[in-house]
């Protein structure tokens, strides 16, 4: 058998042998990009993005300040108030206890609602001031329309704008003045106690 003689490669052969090695990294990069754009990988990335956005939305909703939440509410609770007549011996109503709520006009903007919430203590103080100058006769009206109108005007004055739509009085307990049967306490909406027969 004849021995094969190895010959040295020519310059063209060297370039041809070097080409596949040089383009191999491009092929590997293209293969990696195909893996990246595979539907399973894209689906995983989309699911992770949706989960991140949903968790951030929940976090932002839960971390919203209470003032912003309260400012959107249509009604505000101002608290519980008491009235004592300046002349309990002659007044038909010696005292009253009630809870007070206000509702705002529909056109009142967010800034006015936030102002009402931020000046809540001034509003409470103005209601207490109004009650100190009230009379027992203000509580004899079954609808309390006169008292509600006074509270509404007072609060609109404190806020510096017409913002109060309605004044709501709940849990009203009236303490009646002295009578032949003694003092009586009445809850709004309940019947007056029957008089006791005298012997």
Protein backbone atom coordinates (compact mmCIF):
# COMPACT_ATOMS: atom_id res chain seq x y z
CA UNK A 1 0.00 0.00 0.00
CA UNK A 2 1.10 3.39 -0.78
CA UNK A 3 1.58 5.88 1.92
CA UNK A 4 -0.35 9.05 1.69
CA UNK A 5 1.68 12.11 1.95
CA UNK A 6 0.27 14.94 3.96
CA UNK A 7 0.44 18.19 2.21
CA UNK A 8 0.27 21.61 3.75
CA UNK A 9 -3.06 23.42 3.35
CA UNK A 10 -3.15 26.35 1.03
CA UNK A 11 -4.39 29.81 2.02
CA UNK A 12 -7.86 29.24 0.51
CA UNK A 13 -8.26 26.01 2.44
CA UNK A 14 -7.26 27.76 5.67
CA UNK A 15 -9.94 30.41 5.13
CA UNK A 16 -12.57 27.76 4.33
CA UNK A 17 -11.66 25.85 7.51
CA UNK A 18 -11.78 29.03 9.61
CA UNK A 19 -15.21 30.12 8.32
CA UNK A 20 -17.32 27.47 10.11
CA UNK A 21 -15.53 28.13 13.37
CA UNK A 22 -16.09 31.90 13.00
CA UNK A 23 -19.81 31.60 12.20
CA UNK A 24 -20.46 29.00 14.89
CA UNK A 25 -20.86 31.62 17.66
CA UNK A 26 -23.44 33.43 15.51
CA UNK A 27 -25.37 30.20 15.15
CA UNK A 28 -25.21 29.60 18.88
CA UNK A 29 -26.48 33.16 19.54
CA UNK A 30 -29.33 32.67 17.06
CA UNK A 31 -30.24 29.39 18.75
CA UNK A 32 -30.33 31.14 22.13
CA UNK A 33 -32.62 33.85 20.71
CA UNK A 34 -34.94 31.16 19.36
CA UNK A 35 -35.10 29.66 22.85
CA UNK A 36 -35.81 33.12 24.33
CA UNK A 37 -38.67 33.67 21.90
CA UNK A 38 -40.14 30.25 22.52
CA UNK A 39 -43.86 30.44 23.42
CA UNK A 40 -43.28 28.79 26.79
CA UNK A 41 -40.65 31.33 27.79
CA UNK A 42 -42.78 34.23 26.53
CA UNK A 43 -45.79 32.86 28.41
CA UNK A 44 -43.75 32.62 31.59
CA UNK A 45 -42.49 36.20 31.20
CA UNK A 46 -46.04 37.46 30.53
CA UNK A 47 -47.39 35.66 33.61
CA UNK A 48 -44.63 37.13 35.79
CA UNK A 49 -45.38 40.62 34.47
CA UNK A 50 -49.10 40.28 35.18
CA UNK A 51 -48.43 38.96 38.68
CA UNK A 52 -46.08 41.89 39.41
CA UNK A 53 -48.60 44.47 38.17
CA UNK A 54 -51.45 42.88 40.13
CA UNK A 55 -49.42 42.81 43.34
CA UNK A 56 -48.45 46.48 42.93
CA UNK A 57 -52.11 47.44 42.32
CA UNK A 58 -53.19 45.65 45.50
CA UNK A 59 -50.37 47.26 47.48
CA UNK A 60 -51.26 50.77 46.28
CA UNK A 61 -54.96 50.30 47.06
CA UNK A 62 -54.24 49.02 50.55
CA UNK A 63 -51.66 51.68 51.35
CA UNK A 64 -53.88 54.62 50.36
CA UNK A 65 -54.19 57.08 53.26
CA UNK A 66 -57.38 57.05 55.29
CA UNK A 67 -57.96 60.74 54.56
CA UNK A 68 -58.25 60.08 50.84
CA UNK A 69 -60.66 57.25 51.45
CA UNK A 70 -62.76 59.34 53.81
CA UNK A 71 -62.81 62.32 51.44
CA UNK A 72 -64.68 60.32 48.80
CA UNK A 73 -67.43 59.26 51.20
CA UNK A 74 -70.78 61.06 50.63
CA UNK A 75 -71.56 61.36 54.36
CA UNK A 76 -69.42 62.46 57.28
CA UNK A 77 -70.00 61.59 60.91
CA UNK A 78 -69.36 64.61 63.07
CA UNK A 79 -69.84 62.75 66.34
CA UNK A 80 -72.20 62.66 69.30
CA UNK A 81 -73.45 65.89 70.85
CA UNK A 82 -75.36 66.93 73.97
CA UNK A 83 -77.64 69.87 74.62
CA UNK A 84 -78.53 71.20 78.07
CA UNK A 85 -81.12 73.89 78.51
CA UNK A 86 -79.86 77.08 80.21
CA UNK A 87 -83.09 77.20 82.26
CA UNK A 88 -83.99 73.56 83.00
CA UNK A 89 -86.71 74.49 85.52
CA UNK A 90 -88.95 76.19 82.94
CA UNK A 91 -87.88 74.51 79.68
CA UNK A 92 -90.12 71.79 78.25
CA UNK A 93 -86.96 69.96 77.10
CA UNK A 94 -84.09 70.01 79.57
CA UNK A 95 -81.56 68.19 77.48
CA UNK A 96 -80.87 66.14 74.38
CA UNK A 97 -78.25 63.68 73.15
CA UNK A 98 -77.83 62.83 69.47
CA UNK A 99 -75.42 61.80 66.72
CA UNK A 100 -74.82 64.21 63.86
CA UNK A 101 -74.00 63.42 60.23
CA UNK A 102 -73.75 65.65 57.19
CA UNK A 103 -73.98 64.89 53.50
CA UNK A 104 -72.29 66.98 50.85
CA UNK A 105 -73.65 68.44 47.63
CA UNK A 106 -72.98 66.41 44.49
CA UNK A 107 -71.03 69.19 42.78
CA UNK A 108 -68.56 69.63 45.64
CA UNK A 109 -65.09 68.88 44.33
CA UNK A 110 -62.48 66.67 45.96
CA UNK A 111 -60.55 69.63 47.35
CA UNK A 112 -63.60 70.84 49.28
CA UNK A 113 -64.17 67.33 50.66
CA UNK A 114 -60.56 67.16 51.83
CA UNK A 115 -60.92 70.61 53.41
CA UNK A 116 -63.98 69.41 55.31
CA UNK A 117 -62.12 66.37 56.56
CA UNK A 118 -59.04 68.36 57.56
CA UNK A 119 -61.09 70.99 59.46
CA UNK A 120 -63.27 68.39 61.19
CA UNK A 121 -62.47 69.64 64.69
CA UNK A 122 -63.35 73.23 63.79
CA UNK A 123 -66.65 71.96 62.41
CA UNK A 124 -67.36 70.06 65.64
CA UNK A 125 -66.51 73.13 67.69
CA UNK A 126 -68.92 75.27 65.65
CA UNK A 127 -71.74 72.77 66.25
CA UNK A 128 -71.05 72.81 69.99
CA UNK A 129 -71.05 76.62 69.92
CA UNK A 130 -74.43 76.56 68.16
CA UNK A 131 -75.86 74.15 70.75
CA UNK A 132 -74.77 76.42 73.60
CA UNK A 133 -76.97 79.17 72.17
CA UNK A 134 -79.88 76.82 71.29
CA UNK A 135 -83.15 76.58 73.23
CA UNK A 136 -85.21 73.59 74.27
CA UNK A 137 -87.92 74.69 71.82
CA UNK A 138 -85.51 73.91 68.95
CA UNK A 139 -85.91 70.22 69.82
CA UNK A 140 -89.74 70.27 69.99
CA UNK A 141 -90.11 70.27 66.20
CA UNK A 142 -90.54 66.59 65.16
CA UNK A 143 -88.48 67.14 61.99
CA UNK A 144 -85.91 69.34 63.74
CA UNK A 145 -85.89 71.40 60.53
CA UNK A 146 -85.01 74.68 62.27
CA UNK A 147 -82.06 73.14 64.11
CA UNK A 148 -80.86 71.37 60.96
CA UNK A 149 -81.04 74.62 58.97
CA UNK A 150 -79.01 76.43 61.65
CA UNK A 151 -76.36 73.68 61.66
CA UNK A 152 -76.19 73.75 57.86
CA UNK A 153 -75.69 77.52 57.75
CA UNK A 154 -73.09 77.38 60.52
CA UNK A 155 -71.06 74.68 58.77
CA UNK A 156 -71.23 76.38 55.37
CA UNK A 157 -69.90 79.50 57.10
CA UNK A 158 -67.02 77.57 58.66
CA UNK A 159 -66.08 76.01 55.32
CA UNK A 160 -66.45 79.30 53.46
CA UNK A 161 -68.62 77.74 50.74
CA UNK A 162 -72.00 76.15 50.19
CA UNK A 163 -71.06 72.48 50.55
CA UNK A 164 -73.57 70.90 52.96
CA UNK A 165 -76.56 69.25 51.29
CA UNK A 166 -78.25 67.76 54.34
CA UNK A 167 -77.88 67.50 58.11
CA UNK A 168 -78.83 64.12 59.57
CA UNK A 169 -79.62 63.70 63.27
CA UNK A 170 -79.84 60.16 64.62
CA UNK A 171 -80.08 58.47 68.03
CA UNK A 172 -81.94 61.46 69.44
CA UNK A 173 -82.75 61.15 73.15
CA UNK A 174 -84.74 63.96 74.71
CA UNK A 175 -84.90 64.71 78.41
CA UNK A 176 -88.18 66.39 79.21
CA UNK A 177 -88.63 69.08 81.85
CA UNK A 178 -90.23 68.80 85.29
CA UNK A 179 -93.94 67.93 85.36
CA UNK A 180 -96.41 66.71 87.93
CA UNK A 181 -95.20 63.15 87.33
CA UNK A 182 -91.49 64.09 87.54
CA UNK A 183 -88.88 64.17 84.79
CA UNK A 184 -89.25 61.99 81.72
CA UNK A 185 -86.73 60.78 79.18
CA UNK A 186 -87.97 60.11 75.66
CA UNK A 187 -86.29 58.63 72.63
CA UNK A 188 -87.26 60.19 69.32
CA UNK A 189 -90.00 58.23 67.61
CA UNK A 190 -91.32 56.70 70.85
CA UNK A 191 -94.64 57.56 72.39
CA UNK A 192 -94.86 59.75 75.46
CA UNK A 193 -95.47 57.83 78.67
CA UNK A 194 -99.06 57.82 79.86
CA UNK A 195 -99.79 60.21 82.73
CA UNK A 196 -100.23 58.62 86.13
CA UNK A 197 -103.65 59.09 87.70
CA UNK A 198 -103.67 61.21 90.83
CA UNK A 199 -105.64 60.00 93.82
